[in-house]
Amino acid sequence: ALALYPHMDVATNIGYPLKVAGVGKAERRERAE
């Protein structure tokens, strides 16, 4: 069960573990890309 977050777009879903780890927004977007 993939358990994606339905209220988030693809980039935010991919970058969410980095957000939990305290990584900044710009770096999260770059690594998600």
PDB file of all heavy atoms in Angstrom:
ATOM      1  N   ALA A   1       0.878  -1.168   0.000  1.00  0.00           N
ATOM      2  CA  ALA A   1       0.000   0.000   0.000  1.00  0.00           C
ATOM      3  C   ALA A   1       0.915   1.216   0.000  1.00  0.00           C
ATOM      4  O   ALA A   1       1.616   1.492   0.987  1.00  0.00           O
ATOM      5  CB  ALA A   1      -0.891  -0.010   1.240  1.00  0.00           C
ATOM      6  N   LEU A   2       0.957   1.952  -1.091  1.00  0.00           N
ATOM      7  CA  LEU A   2       1.995   2.955  -1.306  1.00  0.00           C
ATOM      8  C   LEU A   2       1.936   4.105  -0.308  1.00  0.00           C
ATOM      9  O   LEU A   2       2.940   4.752  -0.036  1.00  0.00           O
ATOM     10  CB  LEU A   2       1.892   3.494  -2.733  1.00  0.00           C
ATOM     11  CG  LEU A   2       1.999   2.426  -3.830  1.00  0.00           C
ATOM     12  CD1 LEU A   2       1.875   3.067  -5.197  1.00  0.00           C
ATOM     13  CD2 LEU A   2       3.297   1.657  -3.715  1.00  0.00           C
ATOM     14  N   ALA A   3       0.737   4.380   0.244  1.00  0.00           N
ATOM     15  CA  ALA A   3       0.577   5.389   1.295  1.00  0.00           C
ATOM     16  C   ALA A   3       1.145   6.745   0.892  1.00  0.00           C
ATOM     17  O   ALA A   3       1.847   7.395   1.671  1.00  0.00           O
ATOM     18  CB  ALA A   3       1.230   4.900   2.596  1.00  0.00           C
ATOM     19  N   LEU A   4       0.831   7.185  -0.327  1.00  0.00           N
ATOM     20  CA  LEU A   4       1.203   8.535  -0.734  1.00  0.00           C
ATOM     21  C   LEU A   4       0.285   9.541  -0.052  1.00  0.00           C
ATOM     22  O   LEU A   4      -0.859   9.232   0.288  1.00  0.00           O
ATOM     23  CB  LEU A   4       1.109   8.681  -2.245  1.00  0.00           C
ATOM     24  CG  LEU A   4       1.980   7.735  -3.073  1.00  0.00           C
ATOM     25  CD1 LEU A   4       1.772   7.979  -4.561  1.00  0.00           C
ATOM     26  CD2 LEU A   4       3.441   7.875  -2.708  1.00  0.00           C
ATOM     27  N   TYR A   5       0.781  10.760   0.133  1.00  0.00           N
ATOM     28  CA  TYR A   5      -0.017  11.798   0.770  1.00  0.00           C
ATOM     29  C   TYR A   5      -0.888  12.474  -0.284  1.00  0.00           C
ATOM     30  O   TYR A   5      -0.378  13.176  -1.173  1.00  0.00           O
ATOM     31  CB  TYR A   5       0.890  12.816   1.446  1.00  0.00           C
ATOM     32  CG  TYR A   5       1.825  12.187   2.459  1.00  0.00           C
ATOM     33  CD1 TYR A   5       3.203  12.193   2.270  1.00  0.00           C
ATOM     34  CD2 TYR A   5       1.321  11.585   3.611  1.00  0.00           C
ATOM     35  CE1 TYR A   5       4.055  11.612   3.201  1.00  0.00           C
ATOM     36  CE2 TYR A   5       2.174  10.995   4.543  1.00  0.00           C
ATOM     37  CZ  TYR A   5       3.532  11.017   4.329  1.00  0.00           C
ATOM     38  OH  TYR A   5       4.375  10.434   5.237  1.00  0.00           O
ATOM     39  N   PRO A   6      -2.209  12.281  -0.241  1.00  0.00           N
ATOM     40  CA  PRO A   6      -3.067  12.777  -1.322  1.00  0.00           C
ATOM     41  C   PRO A   6      -3.166  14.299  -1.390  1.00  0.00           C
ATOM     42  O   PRO A   6      -3.512  14.851  -2.436  1.00  0.00           O
ATOM     43  CB  PRO A   6      -4.437  12.157  -0.990  1.00  0.00           C
ATOM     44  CG  PRO A   6      -4.397  11.890   0.483  1.00  0.00           C
ATOM     45  CD  PRO A   6      -2.975  11.558   0.795  1.00  0.00           C
ATOM     46  N   HIS A   7      -2.859  14.987  -0.282  1.00  0.00           N
ATOM     47  CA  HIS A   7      -2.973  16.453  -0.269  1.00  0.00           C
ATOM     48  C   HIS A   7      -1.679  17.127  -0.725  1.00  0.00           C
ATOM     49  O   HIS A   7      -1.585  18.354  -0.731  1.00  0.00           O
ATOM     50  CB  HIS A   7      -3.333  16.940   1.136  1.00  0.00           C
ATOM     51  CG  HIS A   7      -2.311  16.593   2.178  1.00  0.00           C
ATOM     52  ND1 HIS A   7      -2.109  15.305   2.617  1.00  0.00           N
ATOM     53  CD2 HIS A   7      -1.415  17.376   2.859  1.00  0.00           C
ATOM     54  CE1 HIS A   7      -1.155  15.297   3.542  1.00  0.00           C
ATOM     55  NE2 HIS A   7      -0.714  16.538   3.698  1.00  0.00           N
ATOM     56  N   MET A   8      -0.679  16.319  -1.122  1.00  0.00           N
ATOM     57  CA  MET A   8       0.606  16.855  -1.573  1.00  0.00           C
ATOM     58  C   MET A   8       0.834  16.494  -3.032  1.00  0.00           C
ATOM     59  O   MET A   8       0.400  15.431  -3.490  1.00  0.00           O
ATOM     60  CB  MET A   8       1.764  16.266  -0.752  1.00  0.00           C
ATOM     61  CG  MET A   8       1.724  16.558   0.726  1.00  0.00           C
ATOM     62  SD  MET A   8       3.158  15.765   1.541  1.00  0.00           S
ATOM     63  CE  MET A   8       2.816  16.148   3.259  1.00  0.00           C
ATOM     64  N   ASP A   9       1.532  17.374  -3.748  1.00  0.00           N
ATOM     65  CA  ASP A   9       1.888  17.040  -5.127  1.00  0.00           C
ATOM     66  C   ASP A   9       3.073  16.064  -5.127  1.00  0.00           C
ATOM     67  O   ASP A   9       3.594  15.681  -4.071  1.00  0.00           O
ATOM     68  CB  ASP A   9       2.187  18.300  -5.949  1.00  0.00           C
ATOM     69  CG  ASP A   9       3.355  19.118  -5.405  1.00  0.00           C
ATOM     70  OD1 ASP A   9       4.192  18.561  -4.648  1.00  0.00           O
ATOM     71  OD2 ASP A   9       3.439  20.318  -5.725  1.00  0.00           O
ATOM     72  N   VAL A  10       3.483  15.665  -6.325  1.00  0.00           N
ATOM     73  CA  VAL A  10       4.530  14.653  -6.449  1.00  0.00           C
ATOM     74  C   VAL A  10       5.841  15.121  -5.821  1.00  0.00           C
ATOM     75  O   VAL A  10       6.490  14.380  -5.067  1.00  0.00           O
ATOM     76  CB  VAL A  10       4.738  14.291  -7.933  1.00  0.00           C
ATOM     77  CG1 VAL A  10       6.013  13.452  -8.115  1.00  0.00           C
ATOM     78  CG2 VAL A  10       3.536  13.529  -8.476  1.00  0.00           C
ATOM     79  N   ALA A  11       6.242  16.362  -6.096  1.00  0.00           N
ATOM     80  CA  ALA A  11       7.504  16.872  -5.565  1.00  0.00           C
ATOM     81  C   ALA A  11       7.502  16.870  -4.042  1.00  0.00           C
ATOM     82  O   ALA A  11       8.494  16.496  -3.394  1.00  0.00           O
ATOM     83  CB  ALA A  11       7.759  18.282  -6.092  1.00  0.00           C
ATOM     84  N   THR A  12       6.380  17.257  -3.451  1.00  0.00           N
ATOM     85  CA  THR A  12       6.304  17.312  -1.990  1.00  0.00           C
ATOM     86  C   THR A  12       6.284  15.916  -1.386  1.00  0.00           C
ATOM     87  O   THR A  12       6.886  15.676  -0.330  1.00  0.00           O
ATOM     88  CB  THR A  12       5.050  18.094  -1.551  1.00  0.00           C
ATOM     89  OG1 THR A  12       4.981  19.325  -2.270  1.00  0.00           O
ATOM     90  CG2 THR A  12       5.092  18.379  -0.061  1.00  0.00           C
ATOM     91  N   ASN A  13       5.610  14.981  -2.047  1.00  0.00           N
ATOM     92  CA  ASN A  13       5.627  13.596  -1.588  1.00  0.00           C
ATOM     93  C   ASN A  13       7.044  13.046  -1.579  1.00  0.00           C
ATOM     94  O   ASN A  13       7.489  12.448  -0.600  1.00  0.00           O
ATOM     95  CB  ASN A  13       4.740  12.727  -2.489  1.00  0.00           C
ATOM     96  CG  ASN A  13       3.370  12.478  -1.928  1.00  0.00           C
ATOM     97  OD1 ASN A  13       3.171  11.647  -1.061  1.00  0.00           O
ATOM     98  ND2 ASN A  13       2.402  13.260  -2.424  1.00  0.00           N
ATOM     99  N   ILE A  14       7.759  13.242  -2.685  1.00  0.00           N
ATOM    100  CA  ILE A  14       9.126  12.710  -2.780  1.00  0.00           C
ATOM    101  C   ILE A  14      10.033  13.369  -1.748  1.00  0.00           C
ATOM    102  O   ILE A  14      10.851  12.703  -1.092  1.00  0.00           O
ATOM    103  CB  ILE A  14       9.685  12.916  -4.197  1.00  0.00           C
ATOM    104  CG1 ILE A  14       8.928  12.029  -5.208  1.00  0.00           C
ATOM    105  CG2 ILE A  14      11.183  12.596  -4.245  1.00  0.00           C
ATOM    106  CD1 ILE A  14       9.343  12.247  -6.646  1.00  0.00           C
ATOM    107  N   GLY A  15       9.878  14.666  -1.559  1.00  0.00           N
ATOM    108  CA  GLY A  15      10.773  15.393  -0.662  1.00  0.00           C
ATOM    109  C   GLY A  15      10.400  15.348   0.799  1.00  0.00           C
ATOM    110  O   GLY A  15      11.159  15.842   1.650  1.00  0.00           O
ATOM    111  N   TYR A  16       9.270  14.693   1.135  1.00  0.00           N
ATOM    112  CA  TYR A  16       8.797  14.743   2.524  1.00  0.00           C
ATOM    113  C   TYR A  16       9.791  14.169   3.533  1.00  0.00           C
ATOM    114  O   TYR A  16       9.986  14.747   4.609  1.00  0.00           O
ATOM    115  CB  TYR A  16       7.451  14.035   2.643  1.00  0.00           C
ATOM    116  CG  TYR A  16       6.818  14.233   3.998  1.00  0.00           C
ATOM    117  CD1 TYR A  16       6.220  15.440   4.326  1.00  0.00           C
ATOM    118  CD2 TYR A  16       6.856  13.218   4.958  1.00  0.00           C
ATOM    119  CE1 TYR A  16       5.651  15.635   5.577  1.00  0.00           C
ATOM    120  CE2 TYR A  16       6.300  13.398   6.209  1.00  0.00           C
ATOM    121  CZ  TYR A  16       5.697  14.613   6.521  1.00  0.00           C
ATOM    122  OH  TYR A  16       5.146  14.811   7.752  1.00  0.00           O
ATOM    123  N   PRO A  17      10.463  13.040   3.254  1.00  0.00           N
ATOM    124  CA  PRO A  17      11.444  12.538   4.233  1.00  0.00           C
ATOM    125  C   PRO A  17      12.563  13.540   4.511  1.00  0.00           C
ATOM    126  O   PRO A  17      13.108  13.579   5.619  1.00  0.00           O
ATOM    127  CB  PRO A  17      11.994  11.271   3.566  1.00  0.00           C
ATOM    128  CG  PRO A  17      10.906  10.840   2.640  1.00  0.00           C
ATOM    129  CD  PRO A  17      10.308  12.108   2.118  1.00  0.00           C
ATOM    130  N   LEU A  18      12.903  14.358   3.526  1.00  0.00           N
ATOM    131  CA  LEU A  18      13.931  15.373   3.733  1.00  0.00           C
ATOM    132  C   LEU A  18      13.414  16.494   4.631  1.00  0.00           C
ATOM    133  O   LEU A  18      14.151  17.046   5.452  1.00  0.00           O
ATOM    134  CB  LEU A  18      14.385  15.945   2.383  1.00  0.00           C
ATOM    135  CG  LEU A  18      14.971  14.940   1.395  1.00  0.00           C
ATOM    136  CD1 LEU A  18      15.321  15.626   0.085  1.00  0.00           C
ATOM    137  CD2 LEU A  18      16.201  14.253   1.984  1.00  0.00           C
ATOM    138  N   LYS A  19      12.125  16.810   4.481  1.00  0.00           N
ATOM    139  CA  LYS A  19      11.523  17.829   5.348  1.00  0.00           C
ATOM    140  C   LYS A  19      11.563  17.373   6.798  1.00  0.00           C
ATOM    141  O   LYS A  19      11.910  18.144   7.698  1.00  0.00           O
ATOM    142  CB  LYS A  19      10.079  18.089   4.910  1.00  0.00           C
ATOM    143  CG  LYS A  19       9.378  19.155   5.740  1.00  0.00           C
ATOM    144  CD  LYS A  19       7.959  19.406   5.229  1.00  0.00           C
ATOM    145  CE  LYS A  19       7.284  20.499   6.067  1.00  0.00           C
ATOM    146  NZ  LYS A  19       5.891  20.783   5.595  1.00  0.00           N
ATOM    147  N   VAL A  20      11.216  16.091   7.018  1.00  0.00           N
ATOM    148  CA  VAL A  20      11.259  15.539   8.377  1.00  0.00           C
ATOM    149  C   VAL A  20      12.681  15.597   8.930  1.00  0.00           C
ATOM    150  O   VAL A  20      12.889  15.819  10.132  1.00  0.00           O
ATOM    151  CB  VAL A  20      10.736  14.083   8.371  1.00  0.00           C
ATOM    152  CG1 VAL A  20      10.942  13.435   9.732  1.00  0.00           C
ATOM    153  CG2 VAL A  20       9.271  14.049   7.977  1.00  0.00           C
ATOM    154  N   ALA A  21      13.669  15.415   8.031  1.00  0.00           N
ATOM    155  CA  ALA A  21      15.073  15.441   8.457  1.00  0.00           C
ATOM    156  C   ALA A  21      15.615  16.860   8.607  1.00  0.00           C
ATOM    157  O   ALA A  21      16.788  17.032   8.955  1.00  0.00           O
ATOM    158  CB  ALA A  21      15.927  14.666   7.464  1.00  0.00           C
ATOM    159  N   GLY A  22      14.785  17.883   8.324  1.00  0.00           N
ATOM    160  CA  GLY A  22      15.206  19.262   8.511  1.00  0.00           C
ATOM    161  C   GLY A  22      15.924  19.882   7.331  1.00  0.00           C
ATOM    162  O   GLY A  22      16.554  20.941   7.470  1.00  0.00           O
ATOM    163  N   VAL A  23      15.835  19.269   6.159  1.00  0.00           N
ATOM    164  CA  VAL A  23      16.484  19.815   4.960  1.00  0.00           C
ATOM    165  C   VAL A  23      15.659  20.993   4.448  1.00  0.00           C
ATOM    166  O   VAL A  23      14.415  20.947   4.432  1.00  0.00           O
ATOM    167  CB  VAL A  23      16.600  18.726   3.869  1.00  0.00           C
ATOM    168  CG1 VAL A  23      17.169  19.310   2.586  1.00  0.00           C
ATOM    169  CG2 VAL A  23      17.464  17.586   4.390  1.00  0.00           C
ATOM    170  N   GLY A  24      16.341  22.032   4.003  1.00  0.00           N
ATOM    171  CA  GLY A  24      15.671  23.238   3.533  1.00  0.00           C
ATOM    172  C   GLY A  24      14.844  23.022   2.277  1.00  0.00           C
ATOM    173  O   GLY A  24      15.065  22.082   1.516  1.00  0.00           O
ATOM    174  N   LYS A  25      13.895  23.937   2.041  1.00  0.00           N
ATOM    175  CA  LYS A  25      12.930  23.792   0.949  1.00  0.00           C
ATOM    176  C   LYS A  25      13.613  23.733  -0.414  1.00  0.00           C
ATOM    177  O   LYS A  25      13.254  22.906  -1.266  1.00  0.00           O
ATOM    178  CB  LYS A  25      11.934  24.945   0.988  1.00  0.00           C
ATOM    179  CG  LYS A  25      10.817  24.825  -0.034  1.00  0.00           C
ATOM    180  CD  LYS A  25       9.786  25.929   0.153  1.00  0.00           C
ATOM    181  CE  LYS A  25       8.642  25.780  -0.849  1.00  0.00           C
ATOM    182  NZ  LYS A  25       7.623  26.865  -0.661  1.00  0.00           N
ATOM    183  N   ALA A  26      14.587  24.597  -0.645  1.00  0.00           N
ATOM    184  CA  ALA A  26      15.243  24.637  -1.954  1.00  0.00           C
ATOM    185  C   ALA A  26      15.989  23.338  -2.240  1.00  0.00           C
ATOM    186  O   ALA A  26      15.916  22.792  -3.350  1.00  0.00           O
ATOM    187  CB  ALA A  26      16.209  25.825  -2.018  1.00  0.00           C
ATOM    188  N   GLU A  27      16.706  22.825  -1.230  1.00  0.00           N
ATOM    189  CA  GLU A  27      17.432  21.571  -1.432  1.00  0.00           C
ATOM    190  C   GLU A  27      16.467  20.404  -1.604  1.00  0.00           C
ATOM    191  O   GLU A  27      16.721  19.500  -2.408  1.00  0.00           O
ATOM    192  CB  GLU A  27      18.373  21.303  -0.262  1.00  0.00           C
ATOM    193  CG  GLU A  27      19.227  20.055  -0.477  1.00  0.00           C
ATOM    194  CD  GLU A  27      20.213  19.799   0.650  1.00  0.00           C
ATOM    195  OE1 GLU A  27      20.384  20.700   1.506  1.00  0.00           O
ATOM    196  OE2 GLU A  27      20.795  18.689   0.679  1.00  0.00           O
ATOM    197  N   ARG A  28      15.342  20.443  -0.878  1.00  0.00           N
ATOM    198  CA  ARG A  28      14.349  19.379  -1.039  1.00  0.00           C
ATOM    199  C   ARG A  28      13.841  19.326  -2.469  1.00  0.00           C
ATOM    200  O   ARG A  28      13.727  18.258  -3.067  1.00  0.00           O
ATOM    201  CB  ARG A  28      13.155  19.583  -0.086  1.00  0.00           C
ATOM    202  CG  ARG A  28      13.485  19.449   1.374  1.00  0.00           C
ATOM    203  CD  ARG A  28      12.238  19.160   2.199  1.00  0.00           C
ATOM    204  NE  ARG A  28      11.160  20.104   2.010  1.00  0.00           N
ATOM    205  CZ  ARG A  28      10.947  21.195   2.737  1.00  0.00           C
ATOM    206  NH1 ARG A  28      11.803  21.519   3.703  1.00  0.00           N
ATOM    207  NH2 ARG A  28       9.900  21.969   2.524  1.00  0.00           N
ATOM    208  N   ARG A  29      13.549  20.503  -3.023  1.00  0.00           N
ATOM    209  CA  ARG A  29      13.047  20.557  -4.405  1.00  0.00           C
ATOM    210  C   ARG A  29      14.107  20.059  -5.381  1.00  0.00           C
ATOM    211  O   ARG A  29      13.801  19.291  -6.312  1.00  0.00           O
ATOM    212  CB  ARG A  29      12.645  21.987  -4.758  1.00  0.00           C
ATOM    213  CG  ARG A  29      12.147  22.180  -6.184  1.00  0.00           C
ATOM    214  CD  ARG A  29      10.786  21.569  -6.387  1.00  0.00           C
ATOM    215  NE  ARG A  29      10.385  21.599  -7.803  1.00  0.00           N
ATOM    216  CZ  ARG A  29       9.135  21.463  -8.226  1.00  0.00           C
ATOM    217  NH1 ARG A  29       8.157  21.281  -7.359  1.00  0.00           N
ATOM    218  NH2 ARG A  29       8.851  21.490  -9.513  1.00  0.00           N
ATOM    219  N   GLU A  30      15.345  20.470  -5.170  1.00  0.00           N
ATOM    220  CA  GLU A  30      16.426  20.060  -6.070  1.00  0.00           C
ATOM    221  C   GLU A  30      16.609  18.546  -6.054  1.00  0.00           C
ATOM    222  O   GLU A  30      16.714  17.902  -7.111  1.00  0.00           O
ATOM    223  CB  GLU A  30      17.724  20.757  -5.658  1.00  0.00           C
ATOM    224  CG  GLU A  30      18.917  20.394  -6.546  1.00  0.00           C
ATOM    225  CD  GLU A  30      20.195  21.096  -6.095  1.00  0.00           C
ATOM    226  OE1 GLU A  30      20.134  21.989  -5.231  1.00  0.00           O
ATOM    227  OE2 GLU A  30      21.273  20.718  -6.623  1.00  0.00           O
ATOM    228  N   ARG A  31      16.614  17.955  -4.863  1.00  0.00           N
ATOM    229  CA  ARG A  31      16.824  16.510  -4.774  1.00  0.00           C
ATOM    230  C   ARG A  31      15.601  15.738  -5.269  1.00  0.00           C
ATOM    231  O   ARG A  31      15.730  14.665  -5.869  1.00  0.00           O
ATOM    232  CB  ARG A  31      17.198  16.128  -3.346  1.00  0.00           C
ATOM    233  CG  ARG A  31      18.634  16.543  -3.038  1.00  0.00           C
ATOM    234  CD  ARG A  31      19.034  16.363  -1.605  1.00  0.00           C
ATOM    235  NE  ARG A  31      18.954  14.986  -1.134  1.00  0.00           N
ATOM    236  CZ  ARG A  31      19.347  14.613   0.081  1.00  0.00           C
ATOM    237  NH1 ARG A  31      19.850  15.521   0.924  1.00  0.00           N
ATOM    238  NH2 ARG A  31      19.249  13.353   0.466  1.00  0.00           N
ATOM    239  N   ALA A  32      14.414  16.283  -5.067  1.00  0.00           N
ATOM    240  CA  ALA A  32      13.206  15.654  -5.605  1.00  0.00           C
ATOM    241  C   ALA A  32      13.248  15.656  -7.127  1.00  0.00           C
ATOM    242  O   ALA A  32      12.857  14.668  -7.782  1.00  0.00           O
ATOM    243  CB  ALA A  32      11.963  16.371  -5.108  1.00  0.00           C
ATOM    244  N   GLU A  33      13.737  16.743  -7.708  1.00  0.00           N
ATOM    245  CA  GLU A  33      13.851  16.820  -9.167  1.00  0.00           C
ATOM    246  C   GLU A  33      14.867  15.799  -9.680  1.00  0.00           C
ATOM    247  O   GLU A  33      14.642  15.150 -10.709  1.00  0.00           O
ATOM    248  CB  GLU A  33      14.262  18.236  -9.585  1.00  0.00           C
ATOM    249  CG  GLU A  33      13.147  19.266  -9.398  1.00  0.00           C
ATOM    250  CD  GLU A  33      13.606  20.675  -9.718  1.00  0.00           C
ATOM    251  OE1 GLU A  33      14.840  20.870  -9.935  1.00  0.00           O
ATOM    252  OE2 GLU A  33      12.763  21.587  -9.752  1.00  0.00           O
TER     253      GLU A  33
END
